[in-house]
Amino acid sequence: MLRVEEMAGVIAAPGGSTVTQVVDGATTAIAEVQAELARLEGLLHELSALRASAQSLSTQAQNLAIAAASTTGEELENAKRRGAVTVVIGAMRQLAKVVAKHDPDAAAWLVEAGDFGSALVDKRVDDAVTSGLALVRRIHATFCAARKSCETIAVPRAVMQMVPFLAELVTAESSAEVAKAIEAAAAPVGAWRQKYKRRLVAINGMVGAAVGGERLAGVEDSGAPIVTLFAPVGVHATAPSCGGHCEHFGIFLSVLDLGTYVSARLNEPSESDMETVASDSTVSIEQVISPGLYVTVGLSDAVPLVLGVGGAYAPNARRIEAADGSERDAGALRFQAFVAMDIPIVLY
């Protein structure tokens, strides 16, 4: 049996190519129709996937509504906001699956934005930082592609090493959790000796004692001497004086200080015309946040001791009792000298 093309050739041979042209045109049209049908079939599959996603999101919304029904007030508002964000993130991820076939770059945008939003909603700080950096790099790459020339963003390895540690500190809900995070991230024993050999910047902890004075914010005549446990965590930049066994000098920027829990004023509780200041510290997690700046010196690489002098601010440091019996917490500005054990956490 002859094929269509052969028959067309036989028919057209005596008198020209008219029938061949008609058959070729019909063949082309059939191919185009088949391609269009395939495209429509793909769209139907995508619409089916979107419908399934919509049903899934509807189920999630119903579950969130049921959960929200058992809460009231501020908890209900938080649940509503969290539920709305969760639904949006879910929609972004489902849309990314559909878009990926046609525009992979747009799909990657949606996925990374969804990961970032999910980490924020779930309060996963380390994942939020990681996905946030990935999103920034993609934004940067997009602008670079538009300009056709740009340098890539390189995140320092030290920054990535610090992310889990900083995440643990940020999410800690007690001083015990802060101490546990520091212990888990501490550099190997003896790492403090590196400060006597080369210039270093380190995420650093210290444990020792300090004496000095403090003045309370918003309280007149509140100056008093203090003695306190000194246990800060911060950034320590140091440089050796001779590159060998000599001393090193440095600047310590504190961020946290567990020692604020056990600081004591050495005078009697002070009284003004309106208020009384307690001599002991108040106890709250907010107190751990204690920004400060100190000048330090390490005397010898034989012992991990550091001496220093400087100041720090301790929020909610003291309980103030007014004449009418009401109470409030006041922050304290402290100037102190300390001697402490040097505990490097991350060196770079």
Foldseek 3Di string as FASTA:
>chain_A
DDDPQVVQCVVQVPPHNPSVVVVVVVVVVVVVVVVVVVVVVLVVVLVVLVVVLVVVLVVLLVVLVVVLVVDDDPVNVLSVVLSVLVSVLSNLQSVLVVCCVPDVLSSVLSPLVSQLSVCVSVVVQLSNVVSVVVNVQSVVVVVCVVVVHDDGDDDDPLVNLCSVLVSQCVPDFFVVSNVVSLVVQFDDPLPLLVLQAAWWKFFWWWWWKKKFWKAWPPDPPRIFIKIWIWIFTFIKTWGHPPNDWAKIKIKTWTFFTPGLQFMFTPDCFDDDPWKTKHGHFDDGPQQRGKTWMWIWMGGGSVFQKIKIWTKIKGAQGIWMATPVGDIDGTIMITTIIIMTGITTRGID
